[in-house]
Structure formats: structure tokens, C-alpha cells
Amino acid sequence: QVQLVESGGGLAQAGGSLRLSCVASTNIPSFRAMSWYRQAPGKQRELGAVWSSGGGTNDADFVQGRFIISRDNAKNTMYLKMSSLKPEDTAVYYCSATYQSATYWGQGTQVTVSS
């Protein structure tokens, strides 16, 4: 069983920055992949970025250009540095990890961006 705990969300002004963290209970290099998603009110959950064990990242639409995904293996932590925030970035942000044959999710962290 893998536990993921997100933190770092909160209220930010448009144009501001936040850094989200996702701490895993298991050694993250053992994961096949780790990902950031978000879900805005009334919308489907959307993929932000995937970090795969094969190396490198695959950024989806909402990450490209303003957000940076990174990992600290020693801390078993994945980060999402968000810059130039916009009100439309308001959402619950989730991390997920694929370990062996299962996918695990954190509880999410709320990000609210005011205009």
C-alpha cells in the first residue's frame, strides 16, 4: 500500500506562485510513474504531467510553460512549482503514483487563485 500526501496549496493572487509537494510513503524511484492532476469545480480531472521510470517527463496542457514538475528522491517527494497563476488554475491538485500494478492517489490540495 502506497500513501501519498499533497501539501502546499492555498490562496494566491493572479500572477503569483505556489509550490505543491507530494510525499510518498514508498521509495519513489520504485514507482513506474508519478503524475500531477487537477480537477476544477464542475470539470473532469485533467492530467498535468507524468514522470515515468523510463526517464523524463511528459507535460500535458495545463503544465506547459508555467509549471515545473520535479522530484527529490532522497525525500520521496514530487513537486509542482506553479508560476504566473491564473484564476482558471483554481482546482484541487492531486498526485498519483503507479507502483507495481496499482495506481494510488493522494487526498488532494486546494489551490485558489484570485483575480
N, C-alpha and C. Protein backbone atom coordinates (compact mmCIF):
# COMPACT_ATOMS: atom_id res chain seq x y z
N GLN A 1 0.85 -1.18 0.00
CA GLN A 1 0.00 0.00 0.00
C GLN A 1 0.89 1.24 0.00
N VAL A 2 0.57 2.15 -0.89
CA VAL A 2 1.33 3.39 -1.00
C VAL A 2 0.45 4.54 -0.53
N GLN A 3 1.01 5.40 0.28
CA GLN A 3 0.30 6.60 0.71
C GLN A 3 0.97 7.82 0.11
N LEU A 4 0.15 8.73 -0.38
CA LEU A 4 0.62 9.97 -0.97
C LEU A 4 -0.05 11.13 -0.25
N VAL A 5 0.72 12.11 0.14
CA VAL A 5 0.17 13.25 0.86
C VAL A 5 0.61 14.53 0.16
N GLU A 6 -0.37 15.26 -0.36
CA GLU A 6 -0.08 16.54 -1.00
C GLU A 6 -0.16 17.68 0.02
N SER A 7 0.58 18.72 -0.25
CA SER A 7 0.52 19.93 0.56
C SER A 7 1.00 21.10 -0.28
N GLY A 8 0.84 22.29 0.27
CA GLY A 8 1.35 23.48 -0.41
C GLY A 8 0.28 24.31 -1.09
N GLY A 9 -0.93 23.82 -1.13
CA GLY A 9 -2.00 24.59 -1.74
C GLY A 9 -2.41 25.75 -0.85
N GLY A 10 -3.30 26.56 -1.37
CA GLY A 10 -3.77 27.70 -0.62
C GLY A 10 -4.31 28.76 -1.53
N LEU A 11 -4.38 29.96 -1.02
CA LEU A 11 -4.89 31.10 -1.77
C LEU A 11 -3.73 31.91 -2.33
N ALA A 12 -3.80 32.21 -3.61
CA ALA A 12 -2.77 33.01 -4.25
C ALA A 12 -3.43 34.05 -5.14
N GLN A 13 -2.74 35.12 -5.37
CA GLN A 13 -3.23 36.14 -6.30
C GLN A 13 -2.79 35.80 -7.72
N ALA A 14 -3.55 36.26 -8.68
CA ALA A 14 -3.17 36.08 -10.07
C ALA A 14 -1.77 36.64 -10.29
N GLY A 15 -0.97 35.87 -11.01
CA GLY A 15 0.42 36.27 -11.25
C GLY A 15 1.39 35.73 -10.21
N GLY A 16 0.86 35.18 -9.13
CA GLY A 16 1.69 34.67 -8.06
C GLY A 16 2.17 33.26 -8.31
N SER A 17 2.80 32.69 -7.27
CA SER A 17 3.38 31.36 -7.38
C SER A 17 3.04 30.52 -6.16
N LEU A 18 3.01 29.24 -6.37
CA LEU A 18 2.88 28.27 -5.30
C LEU A 18 3.72 27.05 -5.66
N ARG A 19 4.18 26.34 -4.63
CA ARG A 19 4.84 25.06 -4.87
C ARG A 19 4.11 23.97 -4.11
N LEU A 20 3.62 23.01 -4.85
CA LEU A 20 2.94 21.87 -4.26
C LEU A 20 3.94 20.74 -4.03
N SER A 21 3.70 19.99 -2.98
CA SER A 21 4.54 18.84 -2.67
C SER A 21 3.67 17.59 -2.56
N CYS A 22 4.25 16.48 -2.92
CA CYS A 22 3.58 15.19 -2.78
C CYS A 22 4.61 14.24 -2.16
N VAL A 23 4.37 13.88 -0.91
CA VAL A 23 5.28 12.99 -0.20
C VAL A 23 4.73 11.57 -0.25
N ALA A 24 5.59 10.65 -0.65
CA ALA A 24 5.20 9.25 -0.79
C ALA A 24 5.72 8.44 0.39
N SER A 25 4.98 7.39 0.73
CA SER A 25 5.39 6.52 1.83
C SER A 25 6.38 5.45 1.38
N THR A 26 6.60 5.39 0.08
CA THR A 26 7.48 4.37 -0.51
C THR A 26 8.56 5.06 -1.33
N ASN A 27 9.68 4.39 -1.46
CA ASN A 27 10.79 4.90 -2.24
C ASN A 27 10.35 5.22 -3.67
N ILE A 28 10.36 6.50 -4.04
CA ILE A 28 9.74 6.86 -5.31
C ILE A 28 10.47 6.35 -6.56
N PRO A 29 11.78 6.11 -6.54
CA PRO A 29 12.36 5.50 -7.75
C PRO A 29 11.77 4.14 -8.08
N SER A 30 11.07 3.52 -7.13
CA SER A 30 10.46 2.22 -7.40
C SER A 30 9.13 2.35 -8.15
N PHE A 31 8.64 3.60 -8.27
CA PHE A 31 7.38 3.81 -8.98
C PHE A 31 7.59 3.74 -10.48
N ARG A 32 6.60 3.18 -11.16
CA ARG A 32 6.65 3.19 -12.62
C ARG A 32 6.43 4.60 -13.15
N ALA A 33 5.58 5.35 -12.45
CA ALA A 33 5.30 6.72 -12.87
C ALA A 33 4.70 7.50 -11.71
N MET A 34 4.88 8.79 -11.76
CA MET A 34 4.20 9.71 -10.84
C MET A 34 3.61 10.83 -11.67
N SER A 35 2.48 11.32 -11.23
CA SER A 35 1.77 12.31 -12.04
C SER A 35 1.12 13.37 -11.16
N TRP A 36 0.92 14.53 -11.76
CA TRP A 36 0.09 15.59 -11.18
C TRP A 36 -1.17 15.73 -12.03
N TYR A 37 -2.30 15.82 -11.36
CA TYR A 37 -3.59 16.07 -11.98
C TYR A 37 -4.23 17.26 -11.26
N ARG A 38 -5.27 17.78 -11.88
CA ARG A 38 -6.09 18.75 -11.18
C ARG A 38 -7.55 18.58 -11.59
N GLN A 39 -8.43 19.03 -10.72
CA GLN A 39 -9.85 18.97 -11.01
C GLN A 39 -10.50 20.26 -10.53
N ALA A 40 -11.02 21.02 -11.50
CA ALA A 40 -11.72 22.26 -11.19
C ALA A 40 -13.18 21.94 -10.92
N PRO A 41 -13.87 22.81 -10.21
CA PRO A 41 -15.29 22.58 -9.91
C PRO A 41 -16.10 22.36 -11.18
N GLY A 42 -16.86 21.29 -11.20
CA GLY A 42 -17.73 21.01 -12.33
C GLY A 42 -17.02 20.48 -13.56
N LYS A 43 -15.73 20.19 -13.43
CA LYS A 43 -14.96 19.71 -14.58
C LYS A 43 -14.34 18.35 -14.28
N GLN A 44 -13.93 17.69 -15.35
CA GLN A 44 -13.27 16.40 -15.19
C GLN A 44 -11.83 16.61 -14.73
N ARG A 45 -11.30 15.59 -14.09
CA ARG A 45 -9.90 15.64 -13.68
C ARG A 45 -9.02 15.62 -14.93
N GLU A 46 -8.01 16.48 -14.95
CA GLU A 46 -7.13 16.55 -16.11
C GLU A 46 -5.69 16.31 -15.69
N LEU A 47 -4.97 15.70 -16.60
CA LEU A 47 -3.57 15.35 -16.36
C LEU A 47 -2.68 16.56 -16.58
N GLY A 48 -1.71 16.74 -15.66
CA GLY A 48 -0.77 17.84 -15.81
C GLY A 48 0.56 17.36 -16.35
N ALA A 49 1.15 16.39 -15.66
CA ALA A 49 2.46 15.92 -16.08
C ALA A 49 2.69 14.53 -15.53
N VAL A 50 3.47 13.79 -16.26
CA VAL A 50 3.81 12.44 -15.86
C VAL A 50 5.32 12.30 -15.83
N TRP A 51 5.82 11.76 -14.74
CA TRP A 51 7.25 11.45 -14.63
C TRP A 51 7.36 9.94 -14.62
N SER A 52 7.95 9.37 -15.65
CA SER A 52 7.98 7.92 -15.77
C SER A 52 9.35 7.37 -15.38
N SER A 53 9.35 6.10 -15.04
CA SER A 53 10.59 5.45 -14.63
C SER A 53 11.57 5.33 -15.79
N GLY A 54 11.03 5.43 -17.01
CA GLY A 54 11.91 5.37 -18.17
C GLY A 54 12.74 6.62 -18.35
N GLY A 55 12.40 7.62 -17.56
CA GLY A 55 13.17 8.86 -17.61
C GLY A 55 12.38 9.97 -18.26
N GLY A 56 12.58 11.16 -17.77
CA GLY A 56 11.97 12.33 -18.36
C GLY A 56 10.53 12.52 -17.95
N THR A 57 9.98 13.62 -18.42
CA THR A 57 8.60 13.96 -18.10
C THR A 57 7.81 14.17 -19.38
N ASN A 58 6.53 14.02 -19.25
CA ASN A 58 5.63 14.28 -20.35
C ASN A 58 4.60 15.28 -19.85
N ASP A 59 4.70 16.50 -20.32
CA ASP A 59 3.84 17.57 -19.83
C ASP A 59 2.56 17.66 -20.64
N ALA A 60 1.46 17.74 -19.93
CA ALA A 60 0.19 17.94 -20.60
C ALA A 60 -0.13 19.43 -20.62
N ASP A 61 -1.31 19.77 -21.12
CA ASP A 61 -1.61 21.16 -21.43
C ASP A 61 -1.46 22.13 -20.28
N PHE A 62 -1.97 21.79 -19.11
CA PHE A 62 -2.00 22.83 -18.09
C PHE A 62 -0.64 23.04 -17.44
N VAL A 63 0.32 22.16 -17.71
CA VAL A 63 1.64 22.33 -17.12
C VAL A 63 2.56 23.15 -18.00
N GLN A 64 2.43 22.97 -19.29
CA GLN A 64 3.40 23.56 -20.21
C GLN A 64 3.51 25.07 -20.08
N GLY A 65 4.74 25.51 -19.93
CA GLY A 65 5.04 26.93 -20.00
C GLY A 65 5.04 27.64 -18.67
N ARG A 66 4.26 27.18 -17.69
CA ARG A 66 4.18 27.94 -16.43
C ARG A 66 4.49 27.09 -15.21
N PHE A 67 4.34 25.80 -15.34
CA PHE A 67 4.53 24.91 -14.20
C PHE A 67 5.72 23.99 -14.45
N ILE A 68 6.40 23.64 -13.38
CA ILE A 68 7.56 22.76 -13.50
C ILE A 68 7.41 21.62 -12.51
N ILE A 69 7.55 20.39 -13.01
CA ILE A 69 7.49 19.21 -12.16
C ILE A 69 8.92 18.78 -11.84
N SER A 70 9.13 18.37 -10.60
CA SER A 70 10.45 17.89 -10.22
C SER A 70 10.30 16.86 -9.11
N ARG A 71 11.38 16.17 -8.81
CA ARG A 71 11.35 15.18 -7.75
C ARG A 71 12.62 15.25 -6.92
N ASP A 72 12.50 14.92 -5.66
CA ASP A 72 13.65 14.75 -4.77
C ASP A 72 13.57 13.32 -4.25
N ASN A 73 14.37 12.44 -4.84
CA ASN A 73 14.28 11.03 -4.47
C ASN A 73 14.67 10.81 -3.01
N ALA A 74 15.59 11.58 -2.52
CA ALA A 74 16.04 11.41 -1.14
C ALA A 74 14.93 11.72 -0.14
N LYS A 75 14.01 12.58 -0.53
CA LYS A 75 12.89 12.96 0.33
C LYS A 75 11.59 12.25 -0.06
N ASN A 76 11.67 11.39 -1.06
CA ASN A 76 10.46 10.71 -1.56
C ASN A 76 9.36 11.71 -1.87
N THR A 77 9.73 12.79 -2.51
CA THR A 77 8.80 13.89 -2.73
C THR A 77 8.83 14.33 -4.20
N MET A 78 7.64 14.58 -4.72
CA MET A 78 7.48 15.18 -6.05
C MET A 78 6.91 16.58 -5.85
N TYR A 79 7.34 17.50 -6.68
CA TYR A 79 6.91 18.89 -6.56
C TYR A 79 6.23 19.36 -7.84
N LEU A 80 5.40 20.37 -7.69
CA LEU A 80 4.86 21.09 -8.83
C LEU A 80 5.01 22.57 -8.52
N LYS A 81 5.96 23.21 -9.18
CA LYS A 81 6.15 24.64 -8.98
C LYS A 81 5.28 25.36 -9.99
N MET A 82 4.37 26.16 -9.48
CA MET A 82 3.40 26.85 -10.33
C MET A 82 3.70 28.34 -10.30
N SER A 83 3.83 28.93 -11.46
CA SER A 83 4.13 30.36 -11.58
C SER A 83 3.09 31.02 -12.48
N SER A 84 3.06 32.34 -12.41
CA SER A 84 2.12 33.11 -13.24
C SER A 84 0.72 32.54 -13.14
N LEU A 85 0.29 32.34 -11.92
CA LEU A 85 -1.01 31.71 -11.70
C LEU A 85 -2.16 32.55 -12.25
N LYS A 86 -3.17 31.84 -12.71
CA LYS A 86 -4.36 32.48 -13.26
C LYS A 86 -5.59 31.99 -12.49
N PRO A 87 -6.65 32.76 -12.47
CA PRO A 87 -7.86 32.28 -11.77
C PRO A 87 -8.33 30.92 -12.28
N GLU A 88 -8.12 30.64 -13.55
CA GLU A 88 -8.55 29.34 -14.10
C GLU A 88 -7.69 28.18 -13.62
N ASP A 89 -6.63 28.47 -12.88
CA ASP A 89 -5.84 27.40 -12.26
C ASP A 89 -6.48 26.93 -10.95
N THR A 90 -7.53 27.59 -10.52
CA THR A 90 -8.22 27.18 -9.30
C THR A 90 -8.75 25.76 -9.47
N ALA A 91 -8.35 24.89 -8.56
CA ALA A 91 -8.71 23.48 -8.66
C ALA A 91 -8.16 22.75 -7.44
N VAL A 92 -8.58 21.51 -7.30
CA VAL A 92 -7.92 20.60 -6.37
C VAL A 92 -6.83 19.87 -7.15
N TYR A 93 -5.63 19.89 -6.64
CA TYR A 93 -4.49 19.27 -7.31
C TYR A 93 -4.17 17.96 -6.60
N TYR A 94 -4.01 16.91 -7.42
CA TYR A 94 -3.77 15.58 -6.91
C TYR A 94 -2.45 15.03 -7.47
N CYS A 95 -1.78 14.25 -6.67
CA CYS A 95 -0.69 13.47 -7.22
C CYS A 95 -1.11 12.01 -7.24
N SER A 96 -0.53 11.27 -8.16
CA SER A 96 -0.79 9.84 -8.24
C SER A 96 0.53 9.13 -8.52
N ALA A 97 0.55 7.86 -8.18
CA ALA A 97 1.74 7.05 -8.41
C ALA A 97 1.31 5.67 -8.85
N THR A 98 2.03 5.17 -9.84
CA THR A 98 1.81 3.80 -10.29
C THR A 98 2.93 2.94 -9.74
N TYR A 99 2.56 2.00 -8.90
CA TYR A 99 3.53 1.14 -8.22
C TYR A 99 3.11 -0.29 -8.45
N GLN A 100 4.02 -1.06 -9.05
CA GLN A 100 3.70 -2.43 -9.47
C GLN A 100 2.48 -2.38 -10.37
N SER A 101 1.38 -2.95 -10.00
CA SER A 101 0.23 -2.98 -10.91
C SER A 101 -0.91 -2.08 -10.46
N ALA A 102 -0.67 -1.23 -9.48
CA ALA A 102 -1.74 -0.41 -8.93
C ALA A 102 -1.41 1.07 -9.02
N THR A 103 -2.45 1.88 -9.07
CA THR A 103 -2.31 3.34 -9.06
C THR A 103 -2.90 3.88 -7.77
N TYR A 104 -2.14 4.75 -7.14
CA TYR A 104 -2.53 5.33 -5.87
C TYR A 104 -2.70 6.84 -6.02
N TRP A 105 -3.58 7.40 -5.19
CA TRP A 105 -3.89 8.82 -5.24
C TRP A 105 -3.73 9.44 -3.85
N GLY A 106 -3.34 10.69 -3.85
CA GLY A 106 -3.38 11.47 -2.63
C GLY A 106 -4.77 12.04 -2.42
N GLN A 107 -4.92 12.77 -1.32
CA GLN A 107 -6.23 13.32 -0.99
C GLN A 107 -6.50 14.65 -1.68
N GLY A 108 -5.46 15.22 -2.26
CA GLY A 108 -5.62 16.48 -2.98
C GLY A 108 -5.31 17.69 -2.11
N THR A 109 -4.92 18.76 -2.76
CA THR A 109 -4.70 20.03 -2.08
C THR A 109 -5.36 21.14 -2.89
N GLN A 110 -6.10 21.99 -2.23
CA GLN A 110 -6.88 23.03 -2.92
C GLN A 110 -5.99 24.22 -3.26
N VAL A 111 -6.08 24.64 -4.49
CA VAL A 111 -5.43 25.87 -4.94
C VAL A 111 -6.51 26.83 -5.42
N THR A 112 -6.52 28.02 -4.86
CA THR A 112 -7.48 29.03 -5.24
C THR A 112 -6.73 30.28 -5.65
N VAL A 113 -7.00 30.75 -6.87
CA VAL A 113 -6.30 31.91 -7.39
C VAL A 113 -7.32 33.03 -7.57
N SER A 114 -7.06 34.14 -6.91
CA SER A 114 -7.96 35.28 -7.01
C SER A 114 -7.47 36.27 -8.06
N SER A 115 -8.40 36.94 -8.69
CA SER A 115 -8.03 37.91 -9.74
C SER A 115 -7.77 39.29 -9.17
